[in-house]
Amino acid sequence: MKLFHITTETQWHLAQNLGEYKPISLKTAGFIHASTAEQVPWVFRQFYRDKPNLCLLFLDSERIKAEIRWEAPIHPQTPADVTRSPQTPFPHIYGALNLDAVIKVISLNSNLLPVLQ
C-alpha cells in the first residue's frame, strides 16, 4: 500500500545524509505522521499550506521496517476544526523511516497538490 508524508526539503536532505528519516515528531509524539492519498489534501491544508520548500514522500508500506499503526488523528497543535478531519484512521510510523521505503519524492507547490499516483 502506498502511504505519504509531507516534510521540508531540508529535512529530506538531512535524512539522506543520515541514512534514515527521523523527524522531530518521532521524539515529540513517538511516531512519524503519514497519510493515505485521500488524507494528504486535508493534512496539507491544515498544517503545511503556507510553508515553503516542501516535498511529498511516497512510501511503500511493505518496505517500512518500523511498526505502522492505524490510529485516530493526533497532533499536539491541531487546529480547532479537527472535527472536520478525515474520519478514517491515519497511519503512524513508530520508528525511524528506512530510506529504501521511500519510492518517490516530489516538490510541493503551496498552490497545487499533485495527483497521487
PDB file of N, CA and C in Angstrom:
ATOM      1  N   MET A   1       0.847  -1.181   0.000  1.00  0.00           N
ATOM      2  CA  MET A   1       0.000   0.000   0.000  1.00  0.00           C
ATOM      3  C   MET A   1       0.887   1.237   0.000  1.00  0.00           C
ATOM      4  N   LYS A   2       0.459   2.250  -0.743  1.00  0.00           N
ATOM      5  CA  LYS A   2       1.197   3.494  -0.807  1.00  0.00           C
ATOM      6  C   LYS A   2       0.740   4.432   0.309  1.00  0.00           C
ATOM      7  N   LEU A   3       1.704   4.973   1.056  1.00  0.00           N
ATOM      8  CA  LEU A   3       1.452   5.976   2.074  1.00  0.00           C
ATOM      9  C   LEU A   3       2.227   7.229   1.689  1.00  0.00           C
ATOM     10  N   PHE A   4       1.945   8.338   2.385  1.00  0.00           N
ATOM     11  CA  PHE A   4       2.568   9.615   2.050  1.00  0.00           C
ATOM     12  C   PHE A   4       2.970  10.358   3.318  1.00  0.00           C
ATOM     13  N   HIS A   5       4.007  11.199   3.169  1.00  0.00           N
ATOM     14  CA  HIS A   5       4.458  12.027   4.281  1.00  0.00           C
ATOM     15  C   HIS A   5       4.964  13.351   3.713  1.00  0.00           C
ATOM     16  N   ILE A   6       4.517  14.450   4.299  1.00  0.00           N
ATOM     17  CA  ILE A   6       4.970  15.776   3.889  1.00  0.00           C
ATOM     18  C   ILE A   6       6.094  16.211   4.817  1.00  0.00           C
ATOM     19  N   THR A   7       7.158  16.730   4.234  1.00  0.00           N
ATOM     20  CA  THR A   7       8.287  17.212   5.012  1.00  0.00           C
ATOM     21  C   THR A   7       8.929  18.379   4.272  1.00  0.00           C
ATOM     22  N   THR A   8       9.958  18.954   4.854  1.00  0.00           N
ATOM     23  CA  THR A   8      10.688  20.014   4.161  1.00  0.00           C
ATOM     24  C   THR A   8      11.812  19.395   3.347  1.00  0.00           C
ATOM     25  N   GLU A   9      12.218  20.099   2.326  1.00  0.00           N
ATOM     26  CA  GLU A   9      13.335  19.622   1.517  1.00  0.00           C
ATOM     27  C   GLU A   9      14.598  19.510   2.373  1.00  0.00           C
ATOM     28  N   THR A  10      14.769  20.418   3.321  1.00  0.00           N
ATOM     29  CA  THR A  10      15.926  20.381   4.226  1.00  0.00           C
ATOM     30  C   THR A  10      15.922  19.111   5.059  1.00  0.00           C
ATOM     31  N   GLN A  11      14.762  18.754   5.625  1.00  0.00           N
ATOM     32  CA  GLN A  11      14.678  17.536   6.434  1.00  0.00           C
ATOM     33  C   GLN A  11      14.931  16.292   5.581  1.00  0.00           C
ATOM     34  N   TRP A  12      14.456  16.317   4.343  1.00  0.00           N
ATOM     35  CA  TRP A  12      14.668  15.169   3.472  1.00  0.00           C
ATOM     36  C   TRP A  12      16.149  15.025   3.120  1.00  0.00           C
ATOM     37  N   HIS A  13      16.831  16.135   2.833  1.00  0.00           N
ATOM     38  CA  HIS A  13      18.265  16.069   2.527  1.00  0.00           C
ATOM     39  C   HIS A  13      19.064  15.594   3.740  1.00  0.00           C
ATOM     40  N   LEU A  14      18.672  16.043   4.930  1.00  0.00           N
ATOM     41  CA  LEU A  14      19.321  15.591   6.159  1.00  0.00           C
ATOM     42  C   LEU A  14      19.154  14.084   6.324  1.00  0.00           C
ATOM     43  N   ALA A  15      17.962  13.583   6.065  1.00  0.00           N
ATOM     44  CA  ALA A  15      17.704  12.143   6.174  1.00  0.00           C
ATOM     45  C   ALA A  15      18.598  11.360   5.220  1.00  0.00           C
ATOM     46  N   GLN A  16      18.771  11.868   4.013  1.00  0.00           N
ATOM     47  CA  GLN A  16      19.621  11.189   3.048  1.00  0.00           C
ATOM     48  C   GLN A  16      21.071  11.134   3.528  1.00  0.00           C
ATOM     49  N   ASN A  17      21.519  12.181   4.193  1.00  0.00           N
ATOM     50  CA  ASN A  17      22.877  12.190   4.739  1.00  0.00           C
ATOM     51  C   ASN A  17      23.020  11.259   5.941  1.00  0.00           C
ATOM     52  N   LEU A  18      21.962  11.144   6.747  1.00  0.00           N
ATOM     53  CA  LEU A  18      21.992  10.299   7.946  1.00  0.00           C
ATOM     54  C   LEU A  18      21.718   8.830   7.652  1.00  0.00           C
ATOM     55  N   GLY A  19      21.038   8.563   6.531  1.00  0.00           N
ATOM     56  CA  GLY A  19      20.711   7.192   6.176  1.00  0.00           C
ATOM     57  C   GLY A  19      19.364   6.717   6.684  1.00  0.00           C
ATOM     58  N   GLU A  20      18.624   7.592   7.372  1.00  0.00           N
ATOM     59  CA  GLU A  20      17.266   7.294   7.830  1.00  0.00           C
ATOM     60  C   GLU A  20      16.556   8.612   8.119  1.00  0.00           C
ATOM     61  N   TYR A  21      15.233   8.565   8.116  1.00  0.00           N
ATOM     62  CA  TYR A  21      14.432   9.764   8.339  1.00  0.00           C
ATOM     63  C   TYR A  21      13.858   9.734   9.750  1.00  0.00           C
ATOM     64  N   LYS A  22      14.224  10.752  10.547  1.00  0.00           N
ATOM     65  CA  LYS A  22      13.774  10.840  11.936  1.00  0.00           C
ATOM     66  C   LYS A  22      13.322  12.274  12.207  1.00  0.00           C
ATOM     67  N   PRO A  23      12.086  12.623  11.840  1.00  0.00           N
ATOM     68  CA  PRO A  23      11.602  13.987  12.086  1.00  0.00           C
ATOM     69  C   PRO A  23      11.383  14.228  13.579  1.00  0.00           C
ATOM     70  N   ILE A  24      11.218  15.479  13.943  1.00  0.00           N
ATOM     71  CA  ILE A  24      11.019  15.847  15.348  1.00  0.00           C
ATOM     72  C   ILE A  24       9.796  15.160  15.952  1.00  0.00           C
ATOM     73  N   SER A  25       8.780  14.854  15.140  1.00  0.00           N
ATOM     74  CA  SER A  25       7.578  14.198  15.683  1.00  0.00           C
ATOM     75  C   SER A  25       7.886  12.823  16.263  1.00  0.00           C
ATOM     76  N   LEU A  26       8.955  12.214  15.797  1.00  0.00           N
ATOM     77  CA  LEU A  26       9.330  10.909  16.344  1.00  0.00           C
ATOM     78  C   LEU A  26       9.708  11.050  17.814  1.00  0.00           C
ATOM     79  N   LYS A  27      10.315  12.185  18.144  1.00  0.00           N
ATOM     80  CA  LYS A  27      10.695  12.453  19.539  1.00  0.00           C
ATOM     81  C   LYS A  27       9.520  13.024  20.344  1.00  0.00           C
ATOM     82  N   THR A  28       8.773  13.958  19.740  1.00  0.00           N
ATOM     83  CA  THR A  28       7.705  14.633  20.484  1.00  0.00           C
ATOM     84  C   THR A  28       6.411  13.831  20.593  1.00  0.00           C
ATOM     85  N   ALA A  29       6.045  13.110  19.525  1.00  0.00           N
ATOM     86  CA  ALA A  29       4.789  12.342  19.529  1.00  0.00           C
ATOM     87  C   ALA A  29       5.029  10.839  19.619  1.00  0.00           C
ATOM     88  N   GLY A  30       6.263  10.420  19.320  1.00  0.00           N
ATOM     89  CA  GLY A  30       6.580   8.999  19.372  1.00  0.00           C
ATOM     90  C   GLY A  30       6.393   8.276  18.051  1.00  0.00           C
ATOM     91  N   PHE A  31       6.016   9.007  17.013  1.00  0.00           N
ATOM     92  CA  PHE A  31       5.803   8.389  15.709  1.00  0.00           C
ATOM     93  C   PHE A  31       5.956   9.424  14.604  1.00  0.00           C
ATOM     94  N   ILE A  32       5.989   8.944  13.372  1.00  0.00           N
ATOM     95  CA  ILE A  32       6.012   9.797  12.186  1.00  0.00           C
ATOM     96  C   ILE A  32       4.599   9.805  11.616  1.00  0.00           C
ATOM     97  N   HIS A  33       4.069  10.997  11.396  1.00  0.00           N
ATOM     98  CA  HIS A  33       2.740  11.131  10.798  1.00  0.00           C
ATOM     99  C   HIS A  33       2.803  10.728   9.325  1.00  0.00           C
ATOM    100  N   ALA A  34       1.865   9.935   8.883  1.00  0.00           N
ATOM    101  CA  ALA A  34       1.748   9.578   7.478  1.00  0.00           C
ATOM    102  C   ALA A  34       0.283   9.700   7.089  1.00  0.00           C
ATOM    103  N   SER A  35       0.020   9.579   5.798  1.00  0.00           N
ATOM    104  CA  SER A  35      -1.342   9.739   5.293  1.00  0.00           C
ATOM    105  C   SER A  35      -1.581   8.794   4.129  1.00  0.00           C
ATOM    106  N   THR A  36      -2.845   8.554   3.873  1.00  0.00           N
ATOM    107  CA  THR A  36      -3.243   7.885   2.635  1.00  0.00           C
ATOM    108  C   THR A  36      -3.372   8.965   1.569  1.00  0.00           C
ATOM    109  N   ALA A  37      -3.552   8.576   0.329  1.00  0.00           N
ATOM    110  CA  ALA A  37      -3.727   9.543  -0.758  1.00  0.00           C
ATOM    111  C   ALA A  37      -4.932  10.449  -0.498  1.00  0.00           C
ATOM    112  N   GLU A  38      -6.000   9.882   0.035  1.00  0.00           N
ATOM    113  CA  GLU A  38      -7.215  10.656   0.305  1.00  0.00           C
ATOM    114  C   GLU A  38      -7.017  11.666   1.432  1.00  0.00           C
ATOM    115  N   GLN A  39      -6.114  11.395   2.367  1.00  0.00           N
ATOM    116  CA  GLN A  39      -5.903  12.269   3.515  1.00  0.00           C
ATOM    117  C   GLN A  39      -4.909  13.396   3.251  1.00  0.00           C
ATOM    118  N   VAL A  40      -4.045  13.237   2.256  1.00  0.00           N
ATOM    119  CA  VAL A  40      -2.992  14.233   2.002  1.00  0.00           C
ATOM    120  C   VAL A  40      -3.541  15.646   1.799  1.00  0.00           C
ATOM    121  N   PRO A  41      -4.572  15.876   0.986  1.00  0.00           N
ATOM    122  CA  PRO A  41      -5.049  17.259   0.818  1.00  0.00           C
ATOM    123  C   PRO A  41      -5.466  17.922   2.124  1.00  0.00           C
ATOM    124  N   TRP A  42      -6.170  17.187   2.988  1.00  0.00           N
ATOM    125  CA  TRP A  42      -6.582  17.756   4.276  1.00  0.00           C
ATOM    126  C   TRP A  42      -5.365  18.081   5.135  1.00  0.00           C
ATOM    127  N   VAL A  43      -4.419  17.166   5.220  1.00  0.00           N
ATOM    128  CA  VAL A  43      -3.200  17.383   6.019  1.00  0.00           C
ATOM    129  C   VAL A  43      -2.450  18.601   5.493  1.00  0.00           C
ATOM    130  N   PHE A  44      -2.312  18.683   4.182  1.00  0.00           N
ATOM    131  CA  PHE A  44      -1.611  19.816   3.575  1.00  0.00           C
ATOM    132  C   PHE A  44      -2.295  21.132   3.939  1.00  0.00           C
ATOM    133  N   ARG A  45      -3.612  21.207   3.776  1.00  0.00           N
ATOM    134  CA  ARG A  45      -4.343  22.450   4.076  1.00  0.00           C
ATOM    135  C   ARG A  45      -4.246  22.829   5.548  1.00  0.00           C
ATOM    136  N   GLN A  46      -4.315  21.854   6.437  1.00  0.00           N
ATOM    137  CA  GLN A  46      -4.332  22.137   7.871  1.00  0.00           C
ATOM    138  C   GLN A  46      -2.968  22.528   8.438  1.00  0.00           C
ATOM    139  N   PHE A  47      -1.907  21.915   7.936  1.00  0.00           N
ATOM    140  CA  PHE A  47      -0.617  22.072   8.597  1.00  0.00           C
ATOM    141  C   PHE A  47       0.510  22.640   7.738  1.00  0.00           C
ATOM    142  N   TYR A  48       0.370  22.630   6.426  1.00  0.00           N
ATOM    143  CA  TYR A  48       1.507  22.987   5.571  1.00  0.00           C
ATOM    144  C   TYR A  48       1.223  24.052   4.517  1.00  0.00           C
ATOM    145  N   ARG A  49       0.032  24.518   4.402  1.00  0.00           N
ATOM    146  CA  ARG A  49      -0.385  25.396   3.309  1.00  0.00           C
ATOM    147  C   ARG A  49       0.576  26.547   3.044  1.00  0.00           C
ATOM    148  N   ASP A  50       1.053  27.226   4.046  1.00  0.00           N
ATOM    149  CA  ASP A  50       1.890  28.415   3.852  1.00  0.00           C
ATOM    150  C   ASP A  50       3.369  28.165   4.101  1.00  0.00           C
ATOM    151  N   LYS A  51       3.775  26.932   4.162  1.00  0.00           N
ATOM    152  CA  LYS A  51       5.182  26.628   4.435  1.00  0.00           C
ATOM    153  C   LYS A  51       5.939  26.427   3.121  1.00  0.00           C
ATOM    154  N   PRO A  52       7.133  26.998   3.026  1.00  0.00           N
ATOM    155  CA  PRO A  52       7.920  26.880   1.792  1.00  0.00           C
ATOM    156  C   PRO A  52       8.766  25.610   1.758  1.00  0.00           C
ATOM    157  N   ASN A  53       9.262  25.300   0.579  1.00  0.00           N
ATOM    158  CA  ASN A  53      10.247  24.226   0.377  1.00  0.00           C
ATOM    159  C   ASN A  53       9.801  22.874   0.908  1.00  0.00           C
ATOM    160  N   LEU A  54       8.603  22.487   0.543  1.00  0.00           N
ATOM    161  CA  LEU A  54       8.070  21.201   0.987  1.00  0.00           C
ATOM    162  C   LEU A  54       8.266  20.132  -0.075  1.00  0.00           C
ATOM    163  N   CYS A  55       8.296  18.914   0.392  1.00  0.00           N
ATOM    164  CA  CYS A  55       8.285  17.790  -0.541  1.00  0.00           C
ATOM    165  C   CYS A  55       7.371  16.705   0.021  1.00  0.00           C
ATOM    166  N   LEU A  56       6.893  15.894  -0.880  1.00  0.00           N
ATOM    167  CA  LEU A  56       5.996  14.798  -0.529  1.00  0.00           C
ATOM    168  C   LEU A  56       6.734  13.491  -0.766  1.00  0.00           C
ATOM    169  N   LEU A  57       6.825  12.689   0.289  1.00  0.00           N
ATOM    170  CA  LEU A  57       7.456  11.381   0.190  1.00  0.00           C
ATOM    171  C   LEU A  57       6.386  10.344  -0.111  1.00  0.00           C
ATOM    172  N   PHE A  58       6.602   9.545  -1.125  1.00  0.00           N
ATOM    173  CA  PHE A  58       5.729   8.419  -1.453  1.00  0.00           C
ATOM    174  C   PHE A  58       6.367   7.201  -0.790  1.00  0.00           C
ATOM    175  N   LEU A  59       5.625   6.522   0.053  1.00  0.00           N
ATOM    176  CA  LEU A  59       6.166   5.410   0.832  1.00  0.00           C
ATOM    177  C   LEU A  59       5.506   4.091   0.444  1.00  0.00           C
ATOM    178  N   ASP A  60       6.305   3.060   0.368  1.00  0.00           N
ATOM    179  CA  ASP A  60       5.790   1.706   0.158  1.00  0.00           C
ATOM    180  C   ASP A  60       5.663   1.079   1.546  1.00  0.00           C
ATOM    181  N   SER A  61       4.433   0.891   2.011  1.00  0.00           N
ATOM    182  CA  SER A  61       4.218   0.393   3.375  1.00  0.00           C
ATOM    183  C   SER A  61       4.829  -0.989   3.594  1.00  0.00           C
ATOM    184  N   GLU A  62       4.949  -1.766   2.535  1.00  0.00           N
ATOM    185  CA  GLU A  62       5.540  -3.106   2.651  1.00  0.00           C
ATOM    186  C   GLU A  62       7.033  -3.049   2.946  1.00  0.00           C
ATOM    187  N   ARG A  63       7.668  -1.952   2.606  1.00  0.00           N
ATOM    188  CA  ARG A  63       9.114  -1.804   2.835  1.00  0.00           C
ATOM    189  C   ARG A  63       9.456  -1.134   4.160  1.00  0.00           C
ATOM    190  N   ILE A  64       8.477  -0.518   4.807  1.00  0.00           N
ATOM    191  CA  ILE A  64       8.730   0.194   6.062  1.00  0.00           C
ATOM    192  C   ILE A  64       9.037  -0.823   7.156  1.00  0.00           C
ATOM    193  N   LYS A  65      10.207  -0.669   7.781  1.00  0.00           N
ATOM    194  CA  LYS A  65      10.634  -1.632   8.805  1.00  0.00           C
ATOM    195  C   LYS A  65       9.993  -1.372  10.169  1.00  0.00           C
ATOM    196  N   ALA A  66       9.718  -0.104  10.476  1.00  0.00           N
ATOM    197  CA  ALA A  66       9.096   0.239  11.760  1.00  0.00           C
ATOM    198  C   ALA A  66       7.626  -0.160  11.751  1.00  0.00           C
ATOM    199  N   GLU A  67       7.069  -0.308  12.934  1.00  0.00           N
ATOM    200  CA  GLU A  67       5.657  -0.660  13.065  1.00  0.00           C
ATOM    201  C   GLU A  67       4.762   0.474  12.563  1.00  0.00           C
ATOM    202  N   ILE A  68       3.724   0.126  11.821  1.00  0.00           N
ATOM    203  CA  ILE A  68       2.712   1.087  11.374  1.00  0.00           C
ATOM    204  C   ILE A  68       1.431   0.779  12.133  1.00  0.00           C
ATOM    205  N   ARG A  69       0.896   1.805  12.792  1.00  0.00           N
ATOM    206  CA  ARG A  69      -0.380   1.664  13.493  1.00  0.00           C
ATOM    207  C   ARG A  69      -1.383   2.612  12.862  1.00  0.00           C
ATOM    208  N   TRP A  70      -2.587   2.133  12.645  1.00  0.00           N
ATOM    209  CA  TRP A  70      -3.665   2.956  12.100  1.00  0.00           C
ATOM    210  C   TRP A  70      -4.462   3.503  13.281  1.00  0.00           C
ATOM    211  N   GLU A  71      -4.378   4.836  13.459  1.00  0.00           N
ATOM    212  CA  GLU A  71      -4.963   5.460  14.650  1.00  0.00           C
ATOM    213  C   GLU A  71      -5.727   6.733  14.288  1.00  0.00           C
ATOM    214  N   ALA A  72      -6.535   7.182  15.241  1.00  0.00           N
ATOM    215  CA  ALA A  72      -7.257   8.448  15.071  1.00  0.00           C
ATOM    216  C   ALA A  72      -6.252   9.578  14.905  1.00  0.00           C
ATOM    217  N   PRO A  73      -6.651  10.672  14.236  1.00  0.00           N
ATOM    218  CA  PRO A  73      -5.735  11.799  14.061  1.00  0.00           C
ATOM    219  C   PRO A  73      -5.270  12.342  15.400  1.00  0.00           C
ATOM    220  N   ILE A  74      -3.965  12.525  15.511  1.00  0.00           N
ATOM    221  CA  ILE A  74      -3.380  13.074  16.735  1.00  0.00           C
ATOM    222  C   ILE A  74      -2.356  14.112  16.315  1.00  0.00           C
ATOM    223  N   HIS A  75      -2.448  15.287  16.893  1.00  0.00           N
ATOM    224  CA  HIS A  75      -1.433  16.302  16.633  1.00  0.00           C
ATOM    225  C   HIS A  75      -1.458  17.293  17.787  1.00  0.00           C
ATOM    226  N   PRO A  76      -0.317  17.601  18.389  1.00  0.00           N
ATOM    227  CA  PRO A  76      -0.317  18.490  19.554  1.00  0.00           C
ATOM    228  C   PRO A  76      -0.800  19.908  19.249  1.00  0.00           C
ATOM    229  N   GLN A  77      -0.648  20.372  18.021  1.00  0.00           N
ATOM    230  CA  GLN A  77      -1.114  21.706  17.659  1.00  0.00           C
ATOM    231  C   GLN A  77      -2.269  21.634  16.664  1.00  0.00           C
ATOM    232  N   THR A  78      -3.160  20.695  16.854  1.00  0.00           N
ATOM    233  CA  THR A  78      -4.275  20.521  15.930  1.00  0.00           C
ATOM    234  C   THR A  78      -5.173  21.755  15.951  1.00  0.00           C
ATOM    235  N   PRO A  79      -5.541  22.274  14.760  1.00  0.00           N
ATOM    236  CA  PRO A  79      -6.457  23.423  14.704  1.00  0.00           C
ATOM    237  C   PRO A  79      -7.819  23.094  15.293  1.00  0.00           C
ATOM    238  N   ALA A  80      -8.572  24.127  15.592  1.00  0.00           N
ATOM    239  CA  ALA A  80      -9.881  23.955  16.225  1.00  0.00           C
ATOM    240  C   ALA A  80     -10.840  23.137  15.380  1.00  0.00           C
ATOM    241  N   ASP A  81     -10.673  23.152  14.070  1.00  0.00           N
ATOM    242  CA  ASP A  81     -11.616  22.433  13.220  1.00  0.00           C
ATOM    243  C   ASP A  81     -11.184  20.997  12.944  1.00  0.00           C
ATOM    244  N   VAL A  82     -10.497  20.386  13.893  1.00  0.00           N
ATOM    245  CA  VAL A  82     -10.070  18.999  13.721  1.00  0.00           C
ATOM    246  C   VAL A  82     -11.257  18.059  13.523  1.00  0.00           C
ATOM    247  N   THR A  83     -12.429  18.483  13.960  1.00  0.00           N
ATOM    248  CA  THR A  83     -13.607  17.636  13.777  1.00  0.00           C
ATOM    249  C   THR A  83     -13.913  17.420  12.299  1.00  0.00           C
ATOM    250  N   ARG A  84     -13.383  18.284  11.449  1.00  0.00           N
ATOM    251  CA  ARG A  84     -13.586  18.116  10.012  1.00  0.00           C
ATOM    252  C   ARG A  84     -12.485  17.264   9.387  1.00  0.00           C
ATOM    253  N   SER A  85     -11.653  16.680  10.211  1.00  0.00           N
ATOM    254  CA  SER A  85     -10.587  15.836   9.687  1.00  0.00           C
ATOM    255  C   SER A  85     -11.192  14.562   9.099  1.00  0.00           C
ATOM    256  N   PRO A  86     -10.422  13.888   8.253  1.00  0.00           N
ATOM    257  CA  PRO A  86     -10.936  12.623   7.712  1.00  0.00           C
ATOM    258  C   PRO A  86     -11.318  11.670   8.844  1.00  0.00           C
ATOM    259  N   GLN A  87     -12.401  10.981   8.664  1.00  0.00           N
ATOM    260  CA  GLN A  87     -12.891  10.090   9.713  1.00  0.00           C
ATOM    261  C   GLN A  87     -12.154   8.758   9.762  1.00  0.00           C
ATOM    262  N   THR A  88     -11.348   8.486   8.764  1.00  0.00           N
ATOM    263  CA  THR A  88     -10.603   7.235   8.745  1.00  0.00           C
ATOM    264  C   THR A  88      -9.324   7.375   9.556  1.00  0.00           C
ATOM    265  N   PRO A  89      -8.829   6.301  10.123  1.00  0.00           N
ATOM    266  CA  PRO A  89      -7.579   6.360  10.885  1.00  0.00           C
ATOM    267  C   PRO A  89      -6.396   6.757   9.987  1.00  0.00           C
ATOM    268  N   PHE A  90      -5.402   7.353  10.615  1.00  0.00           N
ATOM    269  CA  PHE A  90      -4.178   7.736   9.923  1.00  0.00           C
ATOM    270  C   PHE A  90      -3.088   6.711  10.207  1.00  0.00           C
ATOM    271  N   PRO A  91      -2.203   6.473   9.258  1.00  0.00           N
ATOM    272  CA  PRO A  91      -1.058   5.599   9.521  1.00  0.00           C
ATOM    273  C   PRO A  91       0.020   6.355  10.290  1.00  0.00           C
ATOM    274  N   HIS A  92       0.433   5.807  11.401  1.00  0.00           N
ATOM    275  CA  HIS A  92       1.517   6.374  12.208  1.00  0.00           C
ATOM    276  C   HIS A  92       2.665   5.381  12.206  1.00  0.00           C
ATOM    277  N   ILE A  93       3.861   5.881  11.929  1.00  0.00           N
ATOM    278  CA  ILE A  93       5.046   5.027  11.828  1.00  0.00           C
ATOM    279  C   ILE A  93       5.841   5.150  13.129  1.00  0.00           C
ATOM    280  N   TYR A  94       5.929   4.078  13.875  1.00  0.00           N
ATOM    281  CA  TYR A  94       6.560   4.078  15.196  1.00  0.00           C
ATOM    282  C   TYR A  94       8.030   3.676  15.111  1.00  0.00           C
ATOM    283  N   GLY A  95       8.829   4.558  14.592  1.00  0.00           N
ATOM    284  CA  GLY A  95      10.266   4.338  14.485  1.00  0.00           C
ATOM    285  C   GLY A  95      10.806   5.119  13.309  1.00  0.00           C
ATOM    286  N   ALA A  96      12.121   5.120  13.186  1.00  0.00           N
ATOM    287  CA  ALA A  96      12.757   5.815  12.069  1.00  0.00           C
ATOM    288  C   ALA A  96      12.311   5.194  10.754  1.00  0.00           C
ATOM    289  N   LEU A  97      12.216   6.023   9.738  1.00  0.00           N
ATOM    290  CA  LEU A  97      11.829   5.553   8.411  1.00  0.00           C
ATOM    291  C   LEU A  97      13.077   5.173   7.626  1.00  0.00           C
ATOM    292  N   ASN A  98      13.149   3.926   7.230  1.00  0.00           N
ATOM    293  CA  ASN A  98      14.244   3.466   6.387  1.00  0.00           C
ATOM    294  C   ASN A  98      14.072   4.050   4.988  1.00  0.00           C
ATOM    295  N   LEU A  99      15.148   4.570   4.427  1.00  0.00           N
ATOM    296  CA  LEU A  99      15.069   5.304   3.166  1.00  0.00           C
ATOM    297  C   LEU A  99      14.658   4.449   1.974  1.00  0.00           C
ATOM    298  N   ASP A 100      14.913   3.149   2.037  1.00  0.00           N
ATOM    299  CA  ASP A 100      14.511   2.311   0.904  1.00  0.00           C
ATOM    300  C   ASP A 100      12.988   2.126   0.818  1.00  0.00           C
ATOM    301  N   ALA A 101      12.254   2.590   1.822  1.00  0.00           N
ATOM    302  CA  ALA A 101      10.795   2.564   1.771  1.00  0.00           C
ATOM    303  C   ALA A 101      10.245   3.774   1.003  1.00  0.00           C
ATOM    304  N   VAL A 102      11.102   4.770   0.763  1.00  0.00           N
ATOM    305  CA  VAL A 102      10.691   5.960   0.018  1.00  0.00           C
ATOM    306  C   VAL A 102      10.870   5.655  -1.466  1.00  0.00           C
ATOM    307  N   ILE A 103       9.752   5.570  -2.184  1.00  0.00           N
ATOM    308  CA  ILE A 103       9.823   5.156  -3.588  1.00  0.00           C
ATOM    309  C   ILE A 103       9.774   6.327  -4.562  1.00  0.00           C
ATOM    310  N   LYS A 104       9.397   7.503  -4.054  1.00  0.00           N
ATOM    311  CA  LYS A 104       9.328   8.687  -4.910  1.00  0.00           C
ATOM    312  C   LYS A 104       9.290   9.920  -4.025  1.00  0.00           C
ATOM    313  N   VAL A 105       9.880  11.016  -4.498  1.00  0.00           N
ATOM    314  CA  VAL A 105       9.855  12.284  -3.781  1.00  0.00           C
ATOM    315  C   VAL A 105       9.550  13.373  -4.798  1.00  0.00           C
ATOM    316  N   ILE A 106       8.572  14.214  -4.490  1.00  0.00           N
ATOM    317  CA  ILE A 106       8.271  15.330  -5.379  1.00  0.00           C
ATOM    318  C   ILE A 106       8.180  16.615  -4.572  1.00  0.00           C
ATOM    319  N   SER A 107       8.496  17.730  -5.198  1.00  0.00           N
ATOM    320  CA  SER A 107       8.336  19.045  -4.565  1.00  0.00           C
ATOM    321  C   SER A 107       6.866  19.393  -4.527  1.00  0.00           C
ATOM    322  N   LEU A 108       6.473  20.069  -3.460  1.00  0.00           N
ATOM    323  CA  LEU A 108       5.077  20.508  -3.325  1.00  0.00           C
ATOM    324  C   LEU A 108       4.999  22.005  -3.537  1.00  0.00           C
ATOM    325  N   ASN A 109       4.086  22.417  -4.362  1.00  0.00           N
ATOM    326  CA  ASN A 109       3.802  23.824  -4.579  1.00  0.00           C
ATOM    327  C   ASN A 109       2.647  24.180  -3.653  1.00  0.00           C
ATOM    328  N   SER A 110       2.755  25.301  -2.962  1.00  0.00           N
ATOM    329  CA  SER A 110       1.725  25.664  -1.991  1.00  0.00           C
ATOM    330  C   SER A 110       0.357  25.903  -2.634  1.00  0.00           C
ATOM    331  N   ASN A 111       0.310  26.097  -3.930  1.00  0.00           N
ATOM    332  CA  ASN A 111      -0.965  26.347  -4.590  1.00  0.00           C
ATOM    333  C   ASN A 111      -1.530  25.108  -5.290  1.00  0.00           C
ATOM    334  N   LEU A 112      -0.768  24.054  -5.355  1.00  0.00           N
ATOM    335  CA  LEU A 112      -1.196  22.917  -6.148  1.00  0.00           C
ATOM    336  C   LEU A 112      -0.709  21.622  -5.539  1.00  0.00           C
ATOM    337  N   LEU A 113      -1.606  20.730  -5.255  1.00  0.00           N
ATOM    338  CA  LEU A 113      -1.228  19.400  -4.803  1.00  0.00           C
ATOM    339  C   LEU A 113      -1.133  18.492  -6.020  1.00  0.00           C
ATOM    340  N   PRO A 114      -0.169  17.615  -6.034  1.00  0.00           N
ATOM    341  CA  PRO A 114      -0.013  16.718  -7.185  1.00  0.00           C
ATOM    342  C   PRO A 114      -1.068  15.618  -7.190  1.00  0.00           C
ATOM    343  N   VAL A 115      -1.187  14.980  -8.311  1.00  0.00           N
ATOM    344  CA  VAL A 115      -2.003  13.773  -8.405  1.00  0.00           C
ATOM    345  C   VAL A 115      -1.199  12.681  -7.740  1.00  0.00           C
ATOM    346  N   LEU A 116      -1.786  11.974  -6.826  1.00  0.00           N
ATOM    347  CA  LEU A 116      -1.050  10.988  -6.035  1.00  0.00           C
ATOM    348  C   LEU A 116      -1.187   9.602  -6.646  1.00  0.00           C
ATOM    349  N   GLN A 117      -0.282   9.307  -7.543  1.00  0.00           N
ATOM    350  CA  GLN A 117      -0.311   8.003  -8.199  1.00  0.00           C
ATOM    351  C   GLN A 117       0.975   7.261  -7.929  1.00  0.00           C
TER     352      GLN A 117
END
